[in-house]
Amino acid sequence: MLWHYRRNDVKELPEEVAYFVYIITYNDGKKYIGMKSVWTTRRLKPLKGMRKNAKRTKLTESKWKSYRGSSKLSKGKIISSKEILHLCSNKRTATYLEAKTIMCSDAMFKDEYLNANCLGKFFDNAMEGLI
C-alpha cells in the first residue's frame, strides 16, 4: 500500500526530507498518529590501518515505504490508508508536529485512536488526576 500526501501517491520523497508525521487508518476505523525517520545510519567496521574505535557510518534509506506503524495495538490489523501529514527536514520539527497533532486531535483519550502516549511522557492512563 502506498503512502498519500495531499491526495497524491508517494513513491519517493525529496532528498531534504528526513522525517514525516503520519496517520494510519485501519479497516476497523481505528487510527494511529506517529513520526517516521526516512534515513537510518548504520555503523561500519573500521578499515584496515584505522584505529580500532574509529567511527565509520553509512546513511541508507529506511523501510518507510512498507512501514506499518509502531503501535503494539495495531499488530494483525489490516491497513486501509496511510497518509503523510507533514514532511520535515529535522527531528525537532517532526517531534513538535507529531505532539501537536496528537494533542490537538485528543488522540490519547478518544477510542478511535490507538495512541496511548505522547512523547513517551504523557500517558492516557496517567491523566486521571485532572480536576
Protein backbone atom coordinates (compact mmCIF):
# COMPACT_ATOMS: atom_id res chain seq x y z
CA MET A 1 0.00 0.00 0.00
CA LEU A 2 1.32 3.43 -0.96
CA TRP A 3 1.58 6.48 1.23
CA HIS A 4 -0.54 9.53 0.32
CA TYR A 5 0.45 13.18 0.74
CA ARG A 6 -2.02 15.91 -0.18
CA ARG A 7 -4.15 13.38 -2.10
CA ASN A 8 -1.23 12.18 -4.23
CA ASP A 9 0.53 8.81 -4.12
CA VAL A 10 4.08 9.00 -2.76
CA LYS A 11 6.69 6.70 -4.28
CA GLU A 12 9.74 8.81 -3.44
CA LEU A 13 10.39 11.69 -1.05
CA PRO A 14 12.53 14.77 -1.73
CA GLU A 15 16.15 14.45 -0.55
CA GLU A 16 15.79 17.18 2.10
CA VAL A 17 13.03 15.25 3.91
CA ALA A 18 14.43 13.42 6.95
CA TYR A 19 11.20 12.69 8.89
CA PHE A 20 7.47 12.70 8.35
CA VAL A 21 4.40 12.75 10.58
CA TYR A 22 1.72 10.28 9.53
CA ILE A 23 -1.70 8.88 10.29
CA ILE A 24 -2.53 5.25 9.55
CA THR A 25 -6.17 4.18 9.34
CA TYR A 26 -7.13 0.53 9.82
CA ASN A 27 -10.14 -1.40 8.44
CA ASP A 28 -11.93 -1.30 11.80
CA GLY A 29 -11.84 2.54 11.78
CA LYS A 30 -9.03 2.87 14.33
CA LYS A 31 -6.26 5.38 13.62
CA TYR A 32 -2.67 5.88 14.75
CA ILE A 33 -0.63 9.10 14.60
CA GLY A 34 3.16 8.84 14.57
CA MET A 35 6.50 10.01 13.22
CA LYS A 36 8.89 8.10 10.93
CA SER A 37 12.53 8.62 10.02
CA VAL A 38 13.30 8.40 6.31
CA TRP A 39 17.02 7.70 6.77
CA THR A 40 18.97 5.32 9.03
CA THR A 41 22.63 5.40 10.00
CA ARG A 42 24.49 2.13 10.03
CA ARG A 43 27.85 1.80 11.76
CA LEU A 44 30.61 0.16 9.70
CA LYS A 45 33.77 -1.61 10.84
CA PRO A 46 36.97 0.45 10.61
CA LEU A 47 39.09 -0.06 7.52
CA LYS A 48 42.44 -1.84 7.71
CA GLY A 49 45.00 0.51 9.22
CA MET A 50 42.40 2.65 11.01
CA ARG A 51 42.17 2.89 14.78
CA LYS A 52 40.09 0.15 16.37
CA ASN A 53 37.44 2.56 17.66
CA ALA A 54 37.33 4.76 14.53
CA LYS A 55 33.76 5.56 13.56
CA ARG A 56 32.55 4.93 10.04
CA THR A 57 28.89 5.29 9.18
CA LYS A 58 26.71 4.78 6.15
CA LEU A 59 23.45 6.63 5.57
CA THR A 60 20.75 4.45 3.99
CA GLU A 61 17.06 4.84 3.30
CA SER A 62 14.83 3.28 5.95
CA LYS A 63 11.99 0.90 5.11
CA TRP A 64 9.44 3.72 5.29
CA LYS A 65 7.59 2.55 2.18
CA SER A 66 6.50 -0.71 3.81
CA TYR A 67 6.15 0.76 7.33
CA ARG A 68 3.02 -0.37 9.21
CA GLY A 69 3.15 1.73 12.39
CA SER A 70 4.78 1.41 15.79
CA SER A 71 1.72 0.77 17.97
CA LYS A 72 1.63 -2.66 19.62
CA LEU A 73 -2.17 -2.41 19.50
CA SER A 74 -2.07 -2.40 15.68
CA LYS A 75 -0.44 -5.82 15.30
CA GLY A 76 -2.51 -8.01 13.00
CA LYS A 77 -4.78 -5.17 11.86
CA ILE A 78 -5.36 -4.55 8.16
CA ILE A 79 -4.38 -1.08 6.92
CA SER A 80 -6.93 0.80 4.83
CA SER A 81 -4.90 4.00 4.29
CA LYS A 82 -1.52 5.57 5.08
CA GLU A 83 -1.37 9.37 4.93
CA ILE A 84 1.62 11.67 5.40
CA LEU A 85 0.52 14.79 7.27
CA HIS A 86 3.81 16.74 7.43
CA LEU A 87 7.21 16.46 5.74
CA CYS A 88 10.09 17.65 7.93
CA SER A 89 13.79 18.30 7.40
CA ASN A 90 14.78 17.79 11.06
CA LYS A 91 13.77 15.72 14.08
CA ARG A 92 12.87 18.69 16.31
CA THR A 93 10.20 19.95 13.91
CA ALA A 94 8.83 16.45 13.34
CA THR A 95 8.61 15.77 17.09
CA TYR A 96 6.77 19.05 17.67
CA LEU A 97 4.30 18.41 14.83
CA GLU A 98 3.65 14.84 16.00
CA ALA A 99 2.95 16.01 19.56
CA LYS A 100 0.77 18.88 18.32
CA THR A 101 -1.25 16.54 16.10
CA ILE A 102 -1.76 14.03 18.92
CA MET A 103 -2.71 16.73 21.44
CA CYS A 104 -4.99 18.74 19.12
CA SER A 105 -6.88 15.65 17.96
CA ASP A 106 -7.15 14.40 21.58
CA ALA A 107 -5.86 11.07 20.26
CA MET A 108 -4.86 9.64 23.65
CA PHE A 109 -8.40 9.88 25.01
CA LYS A 110 -10.60 9.02 22.02
CA ASP A 111 -11.42 5.38 21.33
CA GLU A 112 -10.93 5.81 17.58
CA TYR A 113 -7.16 6.31 18.08
CA LEU A 114 -4.61 3.71 19.17
CA ASN A 115 -2.21 6.33 20.62
CA ALA A 116 -1.61 5.58 24.31
CA ASN A 117 1.08 8.22 24.92
CA CYS A 118 2.65 11.37 23.57
CA LEU A 119 6.42 11.90 23.54
CA GLY A 120 6.81 9.00 25.96
CA LYS A 121 5.97 11.44 28.76
CA PHE A 122 2.20 11.83 28.68
CA PHE A 123 0.23 8.60 29.06
CA ASP A 124 -3.52 8.13 28.73
CA ASN A 125 -3.87 6.19 31.98
CA ALA A 126 -1.81 8.75 33.98
CA MET A 127 -4.17 11.64 33.17
CA GLU A 128 -6.79 10.58 35.71
CA GLY A 129 -5.75 13.26 38.22
CA LEU A 130 -7.39 16.10 36.28
CA ILE A 131 -9.74 18.26 38.35
